[in-house]
PDB file of N, CA and C in Angstrom:
ATOM      1  N   MET A   1     -27.019 -19.270 -35.075  1.00  0.00           N
ATOM      2  CA  MET A   1     -25.971 -18.300 -34.879  1.00  0.00           C
ATOM      3  C   MET A   1     -26.351 -17.424 -33.692  1.00  0.00           C
ATOM      4  N   ALA A   2     -25.382 -17.119 -32.819  1.00  0.00           N
ATOM      5  CA  ALA A   2     -25.636 -16.323 -31.624  1.00  0.00           C
ATOM      6  C   ALA A   2     -25.461 -14.846 -31.927  1.00  0.00           C
ATOM      7  N   THR A   3     -26.270 -14.064 -31.258  1.00  0.00           N
ATOM      8  CA  THR A   3     -26.173 -12.619 -31.391  1.00  0.00           C
ATOM      9  C   THR A   3     -25.555 -12.052 -30.125  1.00  0.00           C
ATOM     10  N   VAL A   4     -24.578 -11.205 -30.282  1.00  0.00           N
ATOM     11  CA  VAL A   4     -23.922 -10.576 -29.143  1.00  0.00           C
ATOM     12  C   VAL A   4     -24.405  -9.145 -29.052  1.00  0.00           C
ATOM     13  N   LYS A   5     -24.874  -8.792 -27.866  1.00  0.00           N
ATOM     14  CA  LYS A   5     -25.371  -7.436 -27.671  1.00  0.00           C
ATOM     15  C   LYS A   5     -24.534  -6.772 -26.586  1.00  0.00           C
ATOM     16  N   ASN A   6     -23.937  -5.672 -26.909  1.00  0.00           N
ATOM     17  CA  ASN A   6     -23.203  -4.884 -25.928  1.00  0.00           C
ATOM     18  C   ASN A   6     -24.155  -3.843 -25.369  1.00  0.00           C
ATOM     19  N   ASP A   7     -24.608  -4.067 -24.150  1.00  0.00           N
ATOM     20  CA  ASP A   7     -25.573  -3.168 -23.534  1.00  0.00           C
ATOM     21  C   ASP A   7     -24.857  -2.268 -22.532  1.00  0.00           C
ATOM     22  N   THR A   8     -24.316  -1.192 -23.031  1.00  0.00           N
ATOM     23  CA  THR A   8     -23.634  -0.241 -22.173  1.00  0.00           C
ATOM     24  C   THR A   8     -24.374   1.078 -22.289  1.00  0.00           C
ATOM     25  N   SER A   9     -24.966   1.485 -21.208  1.00  0.00           N
ATOM     26  CA  SER A   9     -25.715   2.738 -21.250  1.00  0.00           C
ATOM     27  C   SER A   9     -24.768   3.915 -21.117  1.00  0.00           C
ATOM     28  N   SER A  10     -25.174   5.036 -21.630  1.00  0.00           N
ATOM     29  CA  SER A  10     -24.335   6.230 -21.555  1.00  0.00           C
ATOM     30  C   SER A  10     -24.221   6.737 -20.121  1.00  0.00           C
ATOM     31  N   VAL A  11     -25.199   6.424 -19.274  1.00  0.00           N
ATOM     32  CA  VAL A  11     -25.135   6.841 -17.874  1.00  0.00           C
ATOM     33  C   VAL A  11     -24.000   6.104 -17.171  1.00  0.00           C
ATOM     34  N   ASP A  12     -23.874   4.785 -17.427  1.00  0.00           N
ATOM     35  CA  ASP A  12     -22.793   4.013 -16.821  1.00  0.00           C
ATOM     36  C   ASP A  12     -21.433   4.527 -17.267  1.00  0.00           C
ATOM     37  N   GLU A  13     -21.312   4.838 -18.549  1.00  0.00           N
ATOM     38  CA  GLU A  13     -20.038   5.332 -19.047  1.00  0.00           C
ATOM     39  C   GLU A  13     -19.684   6.675 -18.423  1.00  0.00           C
ATOM     40  N   GLY A  14     -20.673   7.533 -18.256  1.00  0.00           N
ATOM     41  CA  GLY A  14     -20.426   8.836 -17.650  1.00  0.00           C
ATOM     42  C   GLY A  14     -19.961   8.711 -16.220  1.00  0.00           C
ATOM     43  N   VAL A  15     -20.516   7.766 -15.487  1.00  0.00           N
ATOM     44  CA  VAL A  15     -20.115   7.562 -14.099  1.00  0.00           C
ATOM     45  C   VAL A  15     -18.700   7.021 -14.045  1.00  0.00           C
ATOM     46  N   ARG A  16     -18.392   6.059 -14.895  1.00  0.00           N
ATOM     47  CA  ARG A  16     -17.054   5.482 -14.899  1.00  0.00           C
ATOM     48  C   ARG A  16     -16.002   6.512 -15.295  1.00  0.00           C
ATOM     49  N   GLN A  17     -16.315   7.352 -16.253  1.00  0.00           N
ATOM     50  CA  GLN A  17     -15.343   8.324 -16.719  1.00  0.00           C
ATOM     51  C   GLN A  17     -15.165   9.476 -15.742  1.00  0.00           C
ATOM     52  N   SER A  18     -16.170   9.751 -14.921  1.00  0.00           N
ATOM     53  CA  SER A  18     -16.065  10.891 -14.023  1.00  0.00           C
ATOM     54  C   SER A  18     -15.267  10.582 -12.760  1.00  0.00           C
ATOM     55  N   LYS A  19     -15.006   9.307 -12.459  1.00  0.00           N
ATOM     56  CA  LYS A  19     -14.242   8.961 -11.263  1.00  0.00           C
ATOM     57  C   LYS A  19     -12.765   9.234 -11.488  1.00  0.00           C
ATOM     58  N   PRO A  20     -12.109   9.902 -10.551  1.00  0.00           N
ATOM     59  CA  PRO A  20     -10.662  10.105 -10.672  1.00  0.00           C
ATOM     60  C   PRO A  20      -9.920   8.776 -10.551  1.00  0.00           C
ATOM     61  N   VAL A  21      -8.770   8.714 -11.157  1.00  0.00           N
ATOM     62  CA  VAL A  21      -7.966   7.496 -11.131  1.00  0.00           C
ATOM     63  C   VAL A  21      -7.592   7.130  -9.702  1.00  0.00           C
ATOM     64  N   ALA A  22      -7.364   8.116  -8.854  1.00  0.00           N
ATOM     65  CA  ALA A  22      -6.970   7.851  -7.468  1.00  0.00           C
ATOM     66  C   ALA A  22      -8.036   7.057  -6.721  1.00  0.00           C
ATOM     67  N   GLN A  23      -9.293   7.246  -7.056  1.00  0.00           N
ATOM     68  CA  GLN A  23     -10.356   6.501  -6.394  1.00  0.00           C
ATOM     69  C   GLN A  23     -10.435   5.069  -6.903  1.00  0.00           C
ATOM     70  N   LEU A  24     -10.058   4.845  -8.130  1.00  0.00           N
ATOM     71  CA  LEU A  24     -10.152   3.508  -8.700  1.00  0.00           C
ATOM     72  C   LEU A  24      -9.013   2.610  -8.233  1.00  0.00           C
ATOM     73  N   ALA A  25      -7.860   3.173  -8.013  1.00  0.00           N
ATOM     74  CA  ALA A  25      -6.703   2.383  -7.600  1.00  0.00           C
ATOM     75  C   ALA A  25      -6.656   2.293  -6.084  1.00  0.00           C
ATOM     76  N   SER A  26      -6.298   1.115  -5.588  1.00  0.00           N
ATOM     77  CA  SER A  26      -6.154   0.968  -4.142  1.00  0.00           C
ATOM     78  C   SER A  26      -4.794   1.509  -3.724  1.00  0.00           C
ATOM     79  N   PRO A  27      -4.688   2.007  -2.513  1.00  0.00           N
ATOM     80  CA  PRO A  27      -3.408   2.560  -2.071  1.00  0.00           C
ATOM     81  C   PRO A  27      -2.343   1.477  -1.969  1.00  0.00           C
ATOM     82  N   PRO A  28      -1.090   1.791  -2.320  1.00  0.00           N
ATOM     83  CA  PRO A  28      -0.038   0.773  -2.290  1.00  0.00           C
ATOM     84  C   PRO A  28       0.230   0.246  -0.894  1.00  0.00           C
ATOM     85  N   SER A  29      -0.018   1.042   0.132  1.00  0.00           N
ATOM     86  CA  SER A  29       0.249   0.590   1.490  1.00  0.00           C
ATOM     87  C   SER A  29      -0.722  -0.502   1.935  1.00  0.00           C
ATOM     88  N   ALA A  30      -1.841  -0.655   1.230  1.00  0.00           N
ATOM     89  CA  ALA A  30      -2.813  -1.680   1.603  1.00  0.00           C
ATOM     90  C   ALA A  30      -2.242  -3.082   1.388  1.00  0.00           C
ATOM     91  N   PHE A  31      -1.295  -3.220   0.488  1.00  0.00           N
ATOM     92  CA  PHE A  31      -0.741  -4.532   0.183  1.00  0.00           C
ATOM     93  C   PHE A  31       0.678  -4.712   0.712  1.00  0.00           C
ATOM     94  N   ALA A  32       1.272  -3.661   1.215  1.00  0.00           N
ATOM     95  CA  ALA A  32       2.638  -3.751   1.729  1.00  0.00           C
ATOM     96  C   ALA A  32       2.647  -4.445   3.088  1.00  0.00           C
ATOM     97  N   PRO A  33       3.564  -5.381   3.276  1.00  0.00           N
ATOM     98  CA  PRO A  33       3.633  -6.044   4.577  1.00  0.00           C
ATOM     99  C   PRO A  33       4.111  -5.074   5.653  1.00  0.00           C
ATOM    100  N   ALA A  34       3.664  -5.304   6.876  1.00  0.00           N
ATOM    101  CA  ALA A  34       4.083  -4.459   7.988  1.00  0.00           C
ATOM    102  C   ALA A  34       5.549  -4.722   8.302  1.00  0.00           C
ATOM    103  N   THR A  35       6.289  -3.664   8.548  1.00  0.00           N
ATOM    104  CA  THR A  35       7.711  -3.790   8.851  1.00  0.00           C
ATOM    105  C   THR A  35       8.065  -2.962  10.080  1.00  0.00           C
ATOM    106  N   ARG A  36       9.213  -3.261  10.643  1.00  0.00           N
ATOM    107  CA  ARG A  36       9.773  -2.498  11.757  1.00  0.00           C
ATOM    108  C   ARG A  36      11.174  -2.064  11.343  1.00  0.00           C
ATOM    109  N   THR A  37      11.500  -0.819  11.619  1.00  0.00           N
ATOM    110  CA  THR A  37      12.803  -0.276  11.260  1.00  0.00           C
ATOM    111  C   THR A  37      13.541   0.158  12.515  1.00  0.00           C
ATOM    112  N   TYR A  38      14.813  -0.179  12.553  1.00  0.00           N
ATOM    113  CA  TYR A  38      15.686   0.203  13.661  1.00  0.00           C
ATOM    114  C   TYR A  38      16.809   1.077  13.117  1.00  0.00           C
ATOM    115  N   ARG A  39      17.257   2.020  13.931  1.00  0.00           N
ATOM    116  CA  ARG A  39      18.380   2.890  13.581  1.00  0.00           C
ATOM    117  C   ARG A  39      19.630   2.382  14.277  1.00  0.00           C
ATOM    118  N   ASP A  40      20.694   2.276  13.497  1.00  0.00           N
ATOM    119  CA  ASP A  40      21.989   1.880  14.053  1.00  0.00           C
ATOM    120  C   ASP A  40      22.692   3.154  14.519  1.00  0.00           C
ATOM    121  N   LYS A  41      22.951   3.251  15.814  1.00  0.00           N
ATOM    122  CA  LYS A  41      23.554   4.453  16.392  1.00  0.00           C
ATOM    123  C   LYS A  41      25.064   4.505  16.198  1.00  0.00           C
ATOM    124  N   LEU A  42      25.669   3.411  15.755  1.00  0.00           N
ATOM    125  CA  LEU A  42      27.123   3.354  15.662  1.00  0.00           C
ATOM    126  C   LEU A  42      27.634   3.263  14.225  1.00  0.00           C
ATOM    127  N   TYR A  43      26.977   2.452  13.395  1.00  0.00           N
ATOM    128  CA  TYR A  43      27.447   2.228  12.028  1.00  0.00           C
ATOM    129  C   TYR A  43      26.375   2.616  11.015  1.00  0.00           C
ATOM    130  N   THR A  44      26.834   3.059   9.837  1.00  0.00           N
ATOM    131  CA  THR A  44      25.902   3.322   8.742  1.00  0.00           C
ATOM    132  C   THR A  44      25.765   2.112   7.834  1.00  0.00           C
ATOM    133  N   SER A  45      26.710   1.182   7.917  1.00  0.00           N
ATOM    134  CA  SER A  45      26.676  -0.012   7.079  1.00  0.00           C
ATOM    135  C   SER A  45      27.371  -1.154   7.808  1.00  0.00           C
ATOM    136  N   ARG A  46      26.652  -2.250   7.973  1.00  0.00           N
ATOM    137  CA  ARG A  46      27.228  -3.470   8.550  1.00  0.00           C
ATOM    138  C   ARG A  46      26.259  -4.619   8.349  1.00  0.00           C
ATOM    139  N   THR A  47      26.719  -5.823   8.653  1.00  0.00           N
ATOM    140  CA  THR A  47      25.886  -7.016   8.565  1.00  0.00           C
ATOM    141  C   THR A  47      25.704  -7.585   9.961  1.00  0.00           C
ATOM    142  N   LEU A  48      24.447  -7.792  10.339  1.00  0.00           N
ATOM    143  CA  LEU A  48      24.121  -8.398  11.630  1.00  0.00           C
ATOM    144  C   LEU A  48      23.813  -9.870  11.398  1.00  0.00           C
ATOM    145  N   ILE A  49      24.350 -10.738  12.231  1.00  0.00           N
ATOM    146  CA  ILE A  49      24.100 -12.176  12.114  1.00  0.00           C
ATOM    147  C   ILE A  49      23.193 -12.589  13.263  1.00  0.00           C
ATOM    148  N   LEU A  50      22.039 -13.148  12.913  1.00  0.00           N
ATOM    149  CA  LEU A  50      21.065 -13.578  13.915  1.00  0.00           C
ATOM    150  C   LEU A  50      21.455 -14.933  14.493  1.00  0.00           C
ATOM    151  N   THR A  51      20.798 -15.318  15.572  1.00  0.00           N
ATOM    152  CA  THR A  51      21.092 -16.599  16.227  1.00  0.00           C
ATOM    153  C   THR A  51      20.775 -17.798  15.338  1.00  0.00           C
ATOM    154  N   ASP A  52      19.861 -17.626  14.372  1.00  0.00           N
ATOM    155  CA  ASP A  52      19.542 -18.725  13.451  1.00  0.00           C
ATOM    156  C   ASP A  52      20.368 -18.644  12.159  1.00  0.00           C
ATOM    157  N   ASN A  53      21.486 -17.889  12.210  1.00  0.00           N
ATOM    158  CA  ASN A  53      22.448 -17.741  11.114  1.00  0.00           C
ATOM    159  C   ASN A  53      21.938 -16.953   9.911  1.00  0.00           C
ATOM    160  N   ARG A  54      20.823 -16.287  10.036  1.00  0.00           N
ATOM    161  CA  ARG A  54      20.385 -15.370   8.983  1.00  0.00           C
ATOM    162  C   ARG A  54      21.133 -14.055   9.155  1.00  0.00           C
ATOM    163  N   THR A  55      21.214 -13.288   8.084  1.00  0.00           N
ATOM    164  CA  THR A  55      21.888 -11.996   8.159  1.00  0.00           C
ATOM    165  C   THR A  55      20.910 -10.864   7.866  1.00  0.00           C
ATOM    166  N   LEU A  56      21.163  -9.737   8.512  1.00  0.00           N
ATOM    167  CA  LEU A  56      20.400  -8.517   8.270  1.00  0.00           C
ATOM    168  C   LEU A  56      21.391  -7.432   7.880  1.00  0.00           C
ATOM    169  N   ALA A  57      21.083  -6.691   6.844  1.00  0.00           N
ATOM    170  CA  ALA A  57      21.980  -5.638   6.376  1.00  0.00           C
ATOM    171  C   ALA A  57      21.548  -4.288   6.928  1.00  0.00           C
ATOM    172  N   VAL A  58      22.488  -3.604   7.538  1.00  0.00           N
ATOM    173  CA  VAL A  58      22.277  -2.213   7.938  1.00  0.00           C
ATOM    174  C   VAL A  58      22.701  -1.364   6.745  1.00  0.00           C
ATOM    175  N   VAL A  59      21.775  -0.580   6.221  1.00  0.00           N
ATOM    176  CA  VAL A  59      22.032   0.268   5.064  1.00  0.00           C
ATOM    177  C   VAL A  59      21.621   1.685   5.422  1.00  0.00           C
ATOM    178  N   ALA A  60      22.513   2.622   5.209  1.00  0.00           N
ATOM    179  CA  ALA A  60      22.266   4.032   5.530  1.00  0.00           C
ATOM    180  C   ALA A  60      21.865   4.197   6.993  1.00  0.00           C
ATOM    181  N   GLY A  61      22.438   3.377   7.843  1.00  0.00           N
ATOM    182  CA  GLY A  61      22.182   3.486   9.275  1.00  0.00           C
ATOM    183  C   GLY A  61      20.865   2.915   9.736  1.00  0.00           C
ATOM    184  N   GLN A  62      20.186   2.143   8.864  1.00  0.00           N
ATOM    185  CA  GLN A  62      18.899   1.564   9.234  1.00  0.00           C
ATOM    186  C   GLN A  62      18.807   0.113   8.799  1.00  0.00           C
ATOM    187  N   VAL A  63      18.029  -0.654   9.555  1.00  0.00           N
ATOM    188  CA  VAL A  63      17.740  -2.040   9.206  1.00  0.00           C
ATOM    189  C   VAL A  63      16.238  -2.243   9.376  1.00  0.00           C
ATOM    190  N   THR A  64      15.615  -2.875   8.382  1.00  0.00           N
ATOM    191  CA  THR A  64      14.170  -3.085   8.385  1.00  0.00           C
ATOM    192  C   THR A  64      13.876  -4.573   8.286  1.00  0.00           C
ATOM    193  N   VAL A  65      12.936  -5.036   9.119  1.00  0.00           N
ATOM    194  CA  VAL A  65      12.543  -6.446   9.129  1.00  0.00           C
ATOM    195  C   VAL A  65      11.021  -6.533   9.133  1.00  0.00           C
ATOM    196  N   PRO A  66      10.465  -7.661   8.680  1.00  0.00           N
ATOM    197  CA  PRO A  66       9.017  -7.848   8.768  1.00  0.00           C
ATOM    198  C   PRO A  66       8.552  -7.825  10.221  1.00  0.00           C
ATOM    199  N   ALA A  67       7.376  -7.282  10.450  1.00  0.00           N
ATOM    200  CA  ALA A  67       6.851  -7.145  11.811  1.00  0.00           C
ATOM    201  C   ALA A  67       6.564  -8.488  12.463  1.00  0.00           C
ATOM    202  N   ASP A  68       6.418  -9.545  11.677  1.00  0.00           N
ATOM    203  CA  ASP A  68       6.125 -10.861  12.252  1.00  0.00           C
ATOM    204  C   ASP A  68       7.375 -11.732  12.425  1.00  0.00           C
ATOM    205  N   ASP A  69       8.551 -11.189  12.163  1.00  0.00           N
ATOM    206  CA  ASP A  69       9.809 -11.925  12.324  1.00  0.00           C
ATOM    207  C   ASP A  69      10.291 -11.757  13.766  1.00  0.00           C
ATOM    208  N   THR A  70       9.802 -12.616  14.648  1.00  0.00           N
ATOM    209  CA  THR A  70      10.085 -12.466  16.077  1.00  0.00           C
ATOM    210  C   THR A  70      11.561 -12.674  16.405  1.00  0.00           C
ATOM    211  N   ALA A  71      12.236 -13.573  15.711  1.00  0.00           N
ATOM    212  CA  ALA A  71      13.659 -13.809  15.981  1.00  0.00           C
ATOM    213  C   ALA A  71      14.480 -12.560  15.668  1.00  0.00           C
ATOM    214  N   ALA A  72      14.215 -11.945  14.533  1.00  0.00           N
ATOM    215  CA  ALA A  72      14.947 -10.732  14.161  1.00  0.00           C
ATOM    216  C   ALA A  72      14.603  -9.579  15.095  1.00  0.00           C
ATOM    217  N   LEU A  73      13.332  -9.443  15.435  1.00  0.00           N
ATOM    218  CA  LEU A  73      12.926  -8.357  16.330  1.00  0.00           C
ATOM    219  C   LEU A  73      13.546  -8.508  17.715  1.00  0.00           C
ATOM    220  N   ASP A  74      13.617  -9.728  18.215  1.00  0.00           N
ATOM    221  CA  ASP A  74      14.256  -9.962  19.516  1.00  0.00           C
ATOM    222  C   ASP A  74      15.727  -9.559  19.477  1.00  0.00           C
ATOM    223  N   CYS A  75      16.415  -9.945  18.420  1.00  0.00           N
ATOM    224  CA  CYS A  75      17.831  -9.611  18.282  1.00  0.00           C
ATOM    225  C   CYS A  75      18.028  -8.097  18.190  1.00  0.00           C
ATOM    226  N   LEU A  76      17.217  -7.442  17.379  1.00  0.00           N
ATOM    227  CA  LEU A  76      17.354  -5.996  17.212  1.00  0.00           C
ATOM    228  C   LEU A  76      17.014  -5.252  18.497  1.00  0.00           C
ATOM    229  N   HIS A  77      16.003  -5.723  19.200  1.00  0.00           N
ATOM    230  CA  HIS A  77      15.587  -5.071  20.443  1.00  0.00           C
ATOM    231  C   HIS A  77      16.672  -5.175  21.521  1.00  0.00           C
ATOM    232  N   GLN A  78      17.377  -6.292  21.557  1.00  0.00           N
ATOM    233  CA  GLN A  78      18.401  -6.515  22.581  1.00  0.00           C
ATOM    234  C   GLN A  78      19.755  -5.888  22.238  1.00  0.00           C
ATOM    235  N   HIS A  79      19.944  -5.518  20.983  1.00  0.00           N
ATOM    236  CA  HIS A  79      21.245  -4.988  20.561  1.00  0.00           C
ATOM    237  C   HIS A  79      21.447  -3.581  21.124  1.00  0.00           C
ATOM    238  N   PRO A  80      22.583  -3.324  21.779  1.00  0.00           N
ATOM    239  CA  PRO A  80      22.789  -2.016  22.420  1.00  0.00           C
ATOM    240  C   PRO A  80      22.976  -0.851  21.445  1.00  0.00           C
ATOM    241  N   ASP A  81      23.360  -1.129  20.195  1.00  0.00           N
ATOM    242  CA  ASP A  81      23.599  -0.058  19.228  1.00  0.00           C
ATOM    243  C   ASP A  81      22.374   0.283  18.387  1.00  0.00           C
ATOM    244  N   LEU A  82      21.277  -0.419  18.599  1.00  0.00           N
ATOM    245  CA  LEU A  82      20.093  -0.225  17.759  1.00  0.00           C
ATOM    246  C   LEU A  82      18.940   0.326  18.575  1.00  0.00           C
ATOM    247  N   GLU A  83      18.180   1.231  17.935  1.00  0.00           N
ATOM    248  CA  GLU A  83      16.984   1.761  18.578  1.00  0.00           C
ATOM    249  C   GLU A  83      15.837   1.758  17.575  1.00  0.00           C
ATOM    250  N   PRO A  84      14.627   1.419  18.014  1.00  0.00           N
ATOM    251  CA  PRO A  84      13.490   1.373  17.094  1.00  0.00           C
ATOM    252  C   PRO A  84      13.083   2.769  16.639  1.00  0.00           C
ATOM    253  N   LEU A  85      12.687   2.863  15.391  1.00  0.00           N
ATOM    254  CA  LEU A  85      12.131   4.102  14.853  1.00  0.00           C
ATOM    255  C   LEU A  85      10.616   3.984  14.864  1.00  0.00           C
ATOM    256  N   GLU A  86       9.962   5.007  15.277  1.00  0.00           N
ATOM    257  CA  GLU A  86       8.498   4.975  15.335  1.00  0.00           C
ATOM    258  C   GLU A  86       7.889   5.877  14.304  1.00  0.00           C
TER     259      GLU A  86
END
């Protein structure tokens, strides 16, 4: 028969309990994909159709795309009614 021993010292428990929760959790932005946001200077709501037939929704005067979506970024950059937000 096997014996199970839980070897947890009180020093380890004290260290674990003294750390604030904020230090234990990683920040949410560490896992969020990079995005680029553009402001629509003319409309607060519309649908943009890209050259590859994908659509982008302008919501509340803004449209956000992944930073690595070169086709969408090219379209947004060339559009006269859109300006990048920094």
